[in-house]
Protein backbone atom coordinates (compact mmCIF):
# COMPACT_ATOMS: atom_id res chain seq x y z
CA MET A 1 112.29 3.33 -75.23
CA LYS A 2 111.02 0.73 -72.76
CA LYS A 3 111.85 -2.91 -73.41
CA ILE A 4 109.45 -5.81 -72.98
CA LEU A 5 110.49 -9.46 -73.09
CA ILE A 6 107.70 -11.70 -74.38
CA LEU A 7 108.06 -15.43 -73.82
CA GLY A 8 106.67 -17.47 -76.70
CA ALA A 9 106.17 -16.66 -80.37
CA GLY A 10 103.09 -18.77 -81.09
CA ILE A 11 99.62 -17.85 -82.22
CA TYR A 12 98.53 -16.77 -78.72
CA GLN A 13 101.50 -14.43 -78.28
CA VAL A 14 101.11 -12.71 -81.67
CA PRO A 15 98.44 -10.19 -80.52
CA LEU A 16 100.60 -9.37 -77.49
CA ILE A 17 103.64 -8.77 -79.71
CA LYS A 18 101.64 -6.63 -82.13
CA THR A 19 100.22 -4.55 -79.27
CA ALA A 20 103.67 -4.04 -77.76
CA LYS A 21 104.92 -2.79 -81.11
CA ARG A 22 101.93 -0.46 -81.48
CA MET A 23 102.67 0.95 -78.01
CA GLY A 24 106.20 1.83 -79.15
CA LEU A 25 107.90 -0.76 -76.94
CA TYR A 26 111.17 -2.40 -77.97
CA THR A 27 109.83 -5.91 -78.30
CA ILE A 28 112.07 -8.90 -77.58
CA VAL A 29 110.72 -12.41 -78.14
CA ALA A 30 112.21 -15.60 -76.75
CA SER A 31 111.08 -19.05 -77.86
CA ILE A 32 112.39 -22.40 -78.98
CA PRO A 33 113.13 -22.50 -82.73
CA GLY A 34 110.20 -23.37 -84.95
CA ASN A 35 107.73 -22.05 -87.49
CA TYR A 36 106.23 -19.54 -85.07
CA PRO A 37 104.58 -16.39 -86.46
CA GLY A 38 105.77 -14.10 -83.67
CA PHE A 39 109.42 -14.21 -84.70
CA GLU A 40 109.01 -11.99 -87.74
CA LEU A 41 107.13 -9.35 -85.74
CA ALA A 42 109.69 -8.78 -82.98
CA ASP A 43 112.46 -6.20 -82.83
CA LYS A 44 114.81 -8.89 -81.54
CA VAL A 45 114.59 -12.66 -81.21
CA TYR A 46 116.33 -15.15 -78.93
CA TYR A 47 115.93 -18.81 -79.81
CA GLU A 48 115.81 -20.19 -76.29
CA ASN A 49 113.63 -22.56 -74.29
CA THR A 50 111.35 -20.39 -72.16
CA THR A 51 111.59 -22.88 -69.30
CA ASP A 52 115.37 -22.33 -69.08
CA TYR A 53 115.41 -19.80 -66.27
CA GLY A 54 119.15 -19.23 -66.41
CA ARG A 55 119.18 -18.36 -70.11
CA ILE A 56 116.06 -16.16 -69.92
CA LEU A 57 117.42 -14.32 -66.87
CA ALA A 58 120.71 -13.72 -68.72
CA ILE A 59 118.78 -12.25 -71.65
CA ALA A 60 116.71 -10.08 -69.31
CA ARG A 61 119.85 -8.71 -67.67
CA LYS A 62 121.69 -8.19 -70.94
CA GLU A 63 118.77 -6.30 -72.50
CA LYS A 64 117.93 -4.37 -69.29
CA ILE A 65 114.26 -5.15 -69.78
CA ASP A 66 111.44 -3.19 -68.13
CA GLY A 67 109.00 -6.10 -68.07
CA ILE A 68 108.44 -9.76 -68.92
CA ILE A 69 105.15 -11.40 -69.87
CA THR A 70 103.34 -14.09 -71.85
CA THR A 71 99.74 -14.93 -72.77
CA GLY A 72 97.85 -18.10 -73.53
CA THR A 73 100.35 -20.65 -72.17
CA ASP A 74 101.44 -21.93 -68.77
CA VAL A 75 104.84 -23.17 -69.94
CA ALA A 76 106.69 -19.89 -69.44
CA VAL A 77 104.88 -18.68 -66.32
CA ILE A 78 107.33 -20.11 -63.80
CA THR A 79 110.24 -18.43 -65.61
CA ILE A 80 108.37 -15.12 -65.45
CA GLY A 81 108.00 -15.56 -61.70
CA ARG A 82 111.71 -16.24 -61.27
CA VAL A 83 112.76 -13.26 -63.39
CA CYS A 84 110.31 -10.91 -61.67
CA ASP A 85 111.56 -11.95 -58.24
CA THR A 86 115.24 -11.69 -59.21
CA LEU A 87 115.04 -8.36 -61.02
CA GLY A 88 112.24 -6.77 -59.01
CA LEU A 89 109.88 -6.52 -61.98
CA SER A 90 106.09 -6.33 -61.89
CA GLY A 91 104.47 -9.75 -62.16
CA LEU A 92 103.52 -12.81 -60.20
CA SER A 93 106.08 -14.16 -57.72
CA PHE A 94 108.09 -17.34 -58.26
CA LYS A 95 106.19 -19.05 -55.43
CA ALA A 96 102.82 -18.19 -56.97
CA ALA A 97 104.07 -19.18 -60.44
CA GLU A 98 105.27 -22.52 -59.09
CA ILE A 99 101.81 -23.23 -57.66
CA ALA A 100 100.07 -22.06 -60.83
CA THR A 101 102.10 -24.42 -63.01
CA ASP A 102 101.95 -27.56 -60.87
CA LYS A 103 98.47 -29.03 -60.48
CA LEU A 104 99.49 -30.95 -57.35
CA LEU A 105 100.66 -27.79 -55.56
CA MET A 106 97.56 -25.99 -56.78
CA LYS A 107 95.13 -28.67 -55.60
CA SER A 108 96.96 -28.94 -52.27
CA CYS A 109 96.49 -25.18 -51.77
CA TYR A 110 92.79 -25.48 -52.54
CA GLU A 111 92.42 -28.33 -50.08
CA LYS A 112 94.31 -26.43 -47.38
CA TYR A 113 92.36 -23.20 -47.76
CA GLY A 114 88.90 -24.66 -48.30
CA VAL A 115 88.48 -23.95 -52.00
CA ARG A 116 85.79 -26.22 -53.44
CA THR A 117 87.50 -28.73 -55.76
CA ALA A 118 87.50 -32.43 -56.70
CA LYS A 119 89.02 -35.06 -54.42
CA PHE A 120 92.44 -36.12 -55.65
CA ARG A 121 95.54 -38.27 -55.08
CA LYS A 122 99.22 -37.80 -55.92
CA ILE A 123 100.64 -40.81 -57.77
CA LEU A 124 104.33 -41.54 -58.42
CA PHE A 125 105.07 -43.01 -61.85
CA ASP A 126 107.38 -45.63 -60.30
CA ASN A 127 104.66 -46.87 -57.93
CA GLU A 128 103.64 -50.22 -59.44
CA ASN A 129 100.75 -50.54 -56.98
CA TYR A 130 99.37 -47.08 -57.73
CA ALA A 131 95.82 -48.44 -58.21
CA ASP A 132 95.73 -49.18 -54.46
CA GLU A 133 96.24 -45.45 -53.82
CA LEU A 134 92.98 -44.64 -55.59
CA SER A 135 90.70 -46.33 -53.09
CA GLY A 136 88.15 -43.86 -51.79
CA LEU A 137 87.87 -42.05 -55.12
CA GLU A 138 84.73 -42.71 -57.15
CA LEU A 139 84.80 -43.53 -60.87
CA PRO A 140 85.01 -42.00 -63.39
CA LEU A 141 88.41 -40.44 -62.71
CA MET A 142 90.65 -37.89 -64.39
CA PHE A 143 94.33 -38.75 -64.85
CA LYS A 144 96.28 -35.49 -65.15
CA SER A 145 99.79 -34.37 -65.90
CA VAL A 146 100.72 -31.75 -63.30
CA ASP A 147 102.75 -29.55 -65.67
CA SER A 148 100.99 -29.51 -69.04
CA SER A 149 98.59 -27.03 -70.65
CA GLY A 150 96.22 -26.96 -73.60
CA SER A 151 94.42 -30.09 -72.23
CA ARG A 152 97.45 -32.26 -73.04
CA GLY A 153 98.24 -35.08 -70.61
CA ILE A 154 94.67 -35.20 -69.30
CA THR A 155 92.30 -38.11 -69.89
CA LYS A 156 89.09 -39.49 -68.45
CA VAL A 157 89.04 -43.03 -67.08
CA ASN A 158 85.80 -44.99 -66.68
CA SER A 159 87.10 -48.32 -65.33
CA PRO A 160 90.22 -49.85 -63.73
CA ASP A 161 90.93 -51.63 -67.04
CA GLU A 162 91.85 -48.22 -68.48
CA PHE A 163 94.24 -47.19 -65.69
CA ASP A 164 97.52 -48.29 -67.29
CA ALA A 165 96.78 -46.77 -70.70
CA ALA A 166 95.80 -43.50 -69.04
CA ARG A 167 98.93 -43.52 -66.88
CA ASN A 168 101.12 -44.07 -69.93
CA TYR A 169 99.40 -41.23 -71.80
CA VAL A 170 100.10 -38.87 -68.93
CA LEU A 171 103.71 -40.08 -68.75
CA ASP A 172 104.16 -39.14 -72.43
CA ASN A 173 102.98 -35.60 -71.69
CA THR A 174 104.88 -34.57 -68.57
CA ARG A 175 108.34 -33.67 -67.33
CA SER A 176 107.47 -34.68 -63.76
CA ASN A 177 107.90 -37.99 -61.92
CA TYR A 178 104.36 -37.87 -60.55
CA PHE A 179 100.82 -37.07 -61.63
CA ILE A 180 97.44 -36.60 -60.02
CA VAL A 181 94.20 -38.53 -60.20
CA GLU A 182 90.99 -36.79 -59.25
CA GLU A 183 87.31 -37.55 -59.26
CA TYR A 184 85.46 -36.53 -62.41
CA ILE A 185 82.80 -33.95 -61.60
CA GLU A 186 79.78 -34.28 -63.85
CA GLY A 187 78.47 -30.81 -64.57
CA GLU A 188 78.61 -27.77 -66.79
CA GLU A 189 82.07 -26.46 -67.63
CA PHE A 190 82.57 -22.70 -67.62
CA GLY A 191 85.29 -20.26 -66.72
CA ALA A 192 86.29 -16.74 -65.79
CA GLN A 193 88.90 -14.19 -66.73
CA ALA A 194 90.17 -11.86 -64.03
CA PHE A 195 93.09 -9.61 -63.17
CA VAL A 196 94.91 -8.98 -59.89
CA HIS A 197 96.87 -5.74 -59.63
CA LYS A 198 98.67 -4.54 -56.50
CA GLY A 199 96.76 -6.95 -54.30
CA GLU A 200 93.30 -6.02 -55.62
CA ILE A 201 91.11 -8.01 -57.99
CA GLN A 202 90.30 -5.56 -60.78
CA PHE A 203 87.54 -7.52 -62.48
CA ILE A 204 86.03 -10.99 -62.67
CA LEU A 205 84.28 -11.89 -65.92
CA PRO A 206 82.53 -15.30 -65.96
CA HIS A 207 82.16 -16.76 -69.43
CA GLY A 208 80.53 -19.75 -71.05
CA ASP A 209 82.61 -22.42 -72.78
CA TYR A 210 82.03 -24.38 -75.96
CA VAL A 211 83.64 -27.75 -75.24
CA PHE A 212 84.95 -30.44 -77.58
CA LYS A 213 84.24 -33.85 -76.08
CA GLY A 214 87.25 -36.08 -76.75
CA ASP A 215 89.37 -37.96 -74.22
CA THR A 216 88.56 -35.00 -71.99
CA GLY A 217 86.64 -31.77 -72.37
CA VAL A 218 88.67 -29.29 -74.46
CA PRO A 219 87.47 -25.65 -74.70
CA ILE A 220 87.07 -24.68 -78.36
CA GLY A 221 85.25 -21.38 -77.90
CA HIS A 222 83.76 -18.99 -75.39
CA PHE A 223 81.02 -16.45 -74.93
CA ALA A 224 80.05 -13.64 -72.57
CA PRO A 225 77.98 -12.70 -70.74
CA TYR A 226 77.14 -16.06 -69.22
CA ASP A 227 73.52 -16.56 -68.13
CA LEU A 228 73.87 -17.66 -64.52
CA SER A 229 71.81 -16.88 -61.47
CA ASP A 230 73.10 -14.15 -59.16
CA GLU A 231 73.75 -16.81 -56.52
CA VAL A 232 75.90 -18.92 -58.84
CA ILE A 233 77.83 -15.89 -60.11
CA GLU A 234 78.58 -14.78 -56.57
CA ASP A 235 79.59 -18.32 -55.57
CA SER A 236 81.96 -18.59 -58.53
CA LYS A 237 83.49 -15.22 -57.71
CA GLN A 238 83.92 -16.20 -54.07
CA GLN A 239 85.62 -19.48 -54.97
CA LEU A 240 87.90 -17.58 -57.36
CA ARG A 241 88.81 -15.00 -54.72
CA MET A 242 89.65 -17.80 -52.27
CA ALA A 243 91.75 -19.61 -54.87
CA ILE A 244 93.67 -16.44 -55.80
CA ASP A 245 94.43 -15.80 -52.14
CA ALA A 246 95.43 -19.42 -51.56
CA MET A 247 97.85 -19.34 -54.50
CA GLY A 248 99.25 -15.89 -53.69
CA LEU A 249 98.63 -14.55 -57.20
CA ASP A 250 99.25 -10.83 -57.83
CA ASN A 251 100.07 -8.48 -60.72
CA CYS A 252 98.90 -10.96 -63.32
CA ALA A 253 96.00 -12.02 -65.46
CA ILE A 254 93.90 -14.95 -64.25
CA ASN A 255 92.44 -17.79 -66.33
CA ALA A 256 90.01 -19.90 -64.30
CA ASP A 257 88.35 -23.20 -65.21
CA PHE A 258 85.22 -24.24 -63.29
CA ILE A 259 82.59 -26.96 -63.19
CA LEU A 260 79.04 -26.12 -62.08
CA LYS A 261 77.34 -28.98 -60.25
CA ASP A 262 74.12 -28.75 -58.23
CA GLY A 263 74.35 -24.96 -58.19
CA LYS A 264 77.87 -24.97 -56.72
CA THR A 265 81.12 -23.95 -58.40
CA TYR A 266 84.08 -26.34 -58.27
CA VAL A 267 87.50 -24.98 -59.20
CA LEU A 268 89.33 -27.18 -61.71
CA GLU A 269 92.45 -25.04 -62.04
CA ILE A 270 93.66 -21.46 -62.31
CA GLY A 271 96.43 -20.09 -64.48
CA GLY A 272 98.48 -16.98 -63.72
CA ARG A 273 98.11 -15.60 -67.26
CA SER A 274 95.32 -14.67 -69.66
CA GLY A 275 93.39 -17.48 -71.28
CA ALA A 276 93.91 -18.83 -74.77
CA THR A 277 91.16 -19.62 -77.29
CA CYS A 278 90.25 -15.94 -77.89
CA LEU A 279 89.71 -15.20 -74.20
CA ALA A 280 91.83 -12.04 -74.14
CA GLU A 281 89.76 -10.85 -77.11
CA LEU A 282 86.58 -11.71 -75.18
CA VAL A 283 87.69 -9.40 -72.36
CA SER A 284 88.66 -6.64 -74.79
CA ILE A 285 85.34 -6.69 -76.62
CA TYR A 286 83.25 -7.00 -73.45
CA TYR A 287 84.87 -4.09 -71.61
CA GLY A 288 85.67 -1.96 -74.64
CA TYR A 289 89.45 -1.66 -74.31
CA ASP A 290 92.61 -3.40 -75.47
CA TYR A 291 93.20 -6.03 -72.81
CA TYR A 292 96.63 -6.85 -74.21
CA GLU A 293 97.67 -3.24 -73.56
CA LYS A 294 96.49 -3.50 -69.94
CA ILE A 295 98.51 -6.72 -69.52
CA LEU A 296 101.63 -5.07 -70.95
CA ARG A 297 101.31 -1.90 -68.90
CA THR A 298 100.99 -3.95 -65.71
CA ALA A 299 104.15 -5.91 -66.63
CA LEU A 300 105.94 -2.55 -67.05
CA GLY A 301 104.94 -1.58 -63.50
CA GLU A 302 102.51 1.16 -64.51
CA ASP A 303 99.28 2.07 -62.73
CA VAL A 304 96.49 0.58 -64.81
CA ASP A 305 92.77 1.37 -64.80
CA PHE A 306 90.62 -1.67 -65.55
CA SER A 307 87.34 0.24 -65.74
CA ALA A 308 85.37 -0.26 -68.95
CA GLY A 309 86.21 1.84 -71.97
CA ASP A 310 83.38 4.24 -71.18
CA GLY A 311 84.66 4.74 -67.63
CA THR A 312 82.12 2.44 -65.96
CA PRO A 313 83.63 0.45 -63.08
CA ALA A 314 84.21 -3.13 -64.18
CA ASP A 315 81.81 -4.59 -61.60
CA LYS A 316 79.03 -2.28 -62.85
CA CYS A 317 79.70 -2.75 -66.55
CA VAL A 318 77.05 -4.19 -68.86
CA GLY A 319 79.48 -5.13 -71.57
CA THR A 320 79.33 -6.00 -75.25
CA PRO A 321 78.16 -9.59 -75.84
CA ASN A 322 80.59 -11.63 -77.91
CA ALA A 323 81.37 -15.22 -78.90
CA SER A 324 84.21 -17.14 -80.49
CA MET A 325 84.98 -20.56 -81.94
CA LEU A 326 88.13 -22.31 -83.10
CA LEU A 327 88.46 -23.63 -86.61
CA MET A 328 89.43 -27.31 -86.57
CA SER A 329 90.20 -30.20 -88.87
CA ASP A 330 88.42 -33.55 -88.64
CA ARG A 331 91.49 -35.37 -90.01
CA ASP A 332 95.26 -35.36 -90.15
CA GLY A 333 96.46 -34.00 -93.45
CA VAL A 334 97.50 -31.01 -95.51
CA ILE A 335 95.45 -27.87 -96.03
CA VAL A 336 94.53 -27.83 -99.72
CA SER A 337 92.43 -24.65 -99.67
CA GLN A 338 90.67 -22.27 -97.28
CA THR A 339 88.05 -19.69 -98.11
CA ASN A 340 86.19 -17.06 -96.12
CA LYS A 341 82.95 -16.28 -97.99
CA ASN A 342 81.61 -13.90 -95.35
CA PRO A 343 80.63 -10.42 -96.57
CA GLU A 344 81.82 -7.37 -94.65
CA ASN A 345 80.00 -7.29 -91.32
CA PRO A 346 80.89 -5.04 -88.35
CA ASP A 347 79.74 -7.79 -85.98
CA ILE A 348 82.28 -10.26 -87.39
CA VAL A 349 85.26 -9.07 -85.35
CA ASP A 350 87.85 -11.46 -86.74
CA VAL A 351 88.24 -14.46 -89.03
CA GLN A 352 91.74 -15.88 -88.79
CA PHE A 353 93.45 -18.75 -90.56
CA ASP A 354 96.50 -19.95 -88.64
CA PHE A 355 98.17 -21.69 -91.59
CA GLN A 356 98.60 -21.31 -95.32
CA PRO A 357 97.61 -23.97 -97.88
CA GLY A 358 100.25 -26.68 -97.92
CA ALA A 359 100.62 -26.77 -94.15
CA GLN A 360 100.39 -30.06 -92.28
CA VAL A 361 97.63 -30.07 -89.64
CA HIS A 362 96.24 -32.50 -87.07
CA LYS A 363 92.83 -33.94 -86.44
CA PHE A 364 91.60 -31.87 -83.51
CA LYS A 365 92.13 -33.43 -80.08
CA VAL A 366 93.73 -30.68 -77.97
CA GLY A 367 93.89 -26.88 -78.10
CA PRO A 368 97.18 -26.56 -80.04
CA HIS A 369 95.56 -28.47 -82.94
CA ARG A 370 93.51 -25.36 -83.83
CA ILE A 371 93.79 -24.06 -87.40
CA GLY A 372 92.08 -20.70 -86.93
CA HIS A 373 89.26 -18.86 -85.19
CA VAL A 374 86.16 -16.72 -85.64
CA ILE A 375 85.11 -13.97 -83.24
CA THR A 376 81.78 -12.11 -83.33
CA LYS A 377 79.82 -9.58 -81.27
CA GLY A 378 76.25 -8.30 -81.11
CA GLU A 379 73.75 -6.19 -79.24
CA THR A 380 72.66 -9.36 -77.43
CA LEU A 381 74.40 -12.66 -76.82
CA ASP A 382 71.83 -14.41 -79.00
CA SER A 383 72.67 -12.13 -81.93
CA ALA A 384 76.43 -12.59 -81.36
CA VAL A 385 76.03 -16.39 -81.35
CA ALA A 386 73.77 -16.31 -84.42
CA THR A 387 76.38 -14.24 -86.28
CA LEU A 388 79.06 -16.70 -85.16
CA ASN A 389 77.13 -19.67 -86.51
CA ASP A 390 76.40 -17.87 -89.79
CA ALA A 391 80.06 -16.87 -90.15
CA LEU A 392 81.31 -20.41 -89.50
CA ALA A 393 78.96 -21.72 -92.22
CA GLU A 394 80.65 -19.44 -94.77
CA ILE A 395 84.16 -20.74 -94.10
CA GLU A 396 85.49 -23.66 -96.12
CA ILE A 397 88.74 -25.42 -95.28
CA LYS A 398 89.73 -28.47 -97.30
CA VAL A 399 92.19 -30.90 -95.72
CA GLU A 400 93.45 -34.02 -97.50
C-alpha cells in the first residue's frame, strides 16, 4: 500500500484526505494540534508544525512515504519542496517553493523576467524612515506580509497618515523581518487554476471571483467559465506561463491571482498548490474528473492525464459551468442554529457547514473566517449562478 503524507488537517485538506482514503492510500496527516476535522479521517496523525522541515522530513523517512502534498494553503508548501528535493519525490522544488511562499522573491522574479505586475518596494520593519522608501509609488498602496496566506497581513492604504497602522498590522501577521509595499491596481480581480506536470502546463482555467471588500479584497467565491475576450484570455495565459517559468514551478497545482486593468492582465501572486475557496471543486466540476485524485497521483510520481472526463483535451474542453460562495457571519459570536432548507436538486453540488451549533465564529474579514460553502452547477453559467443565489437564500445560520 502506497503512503501519502498530507500536510494540514483543516477544512481545505479534508477533501484531499477523503480522496486519498478512497484511492486506498495509507493516509498520514501532519498538523499542529487543534480542532481540525482532518485528524479523525487519517490512518495516522502526527501533531507537528508543518513549517518544521526537520520534523516533517523525519516523519517522511520513518514512514517511507511515496508522496507529500497539501491543498488550499501556502504555509506547508516550502516544507513540501524541501522534502521532495531531499527524498527525490514528485513535487515542486525547494527553490520554487521558496519563491512561491515569499512575495518579495516572487515579485522580484516577475520584475526580472518581465511579468506584468505592480511596482513595489521591500521595506525592513526596523527602518524608521521607511516612508522615504516609498517615493515614486502612487497612492493608494498595498502593505503586504511576504509569508502569509488567506489575505491575512494585507491591507490597503489611502494616505500617509495610515502608514504606521498598516505597517503594524502586517507586523502582527508575519514571521519575517521585512514586508513589501506595492501600488494598488484598480481593476477587476480574477484568477486561474492550472497544473504543471513534467515541465508541461496541462491546463489553464481562468475563473471569475466574488470578492469581499474589507481592508483588502478577499475572494469569497468563484465561477467558471469566465466571460473574457479571446485577447484577454490569451494575455492572462501568457502572463501565467511567464510567471510559472520565472518561478521554476513544476509537478504542482497552480493558484493564480490577477487584476484586469485596461484590457491587460497584471499578476498579483501565484501559489504552488491548488486554490482554496472551492477552487479544486471548480476544476473537478468543469473538467468532469476528481481533481484531488489528479493532485495525489502526481505527488505519487504517476503519469497523469489531465484531459477532460470525456477525453477531450483540456484546451479544447467546453466544461460544465459552476459557481460557489462561502458562508460567512456578520458578527463575532456563537452559532445558535443552522438550517439548509433547499430541496434535493442535482445542480446543488454541495452545501457544507464547517461548524456545529455551539462553535465560536468570527465576523468575516479573511478567508479562514468562513463557516461553510455552497457549490452549484448548470447548463449555463447564468443558470449555475441563479441556482447558487436561490440556494443561499434557503440557508439560515443564526449567530449570537
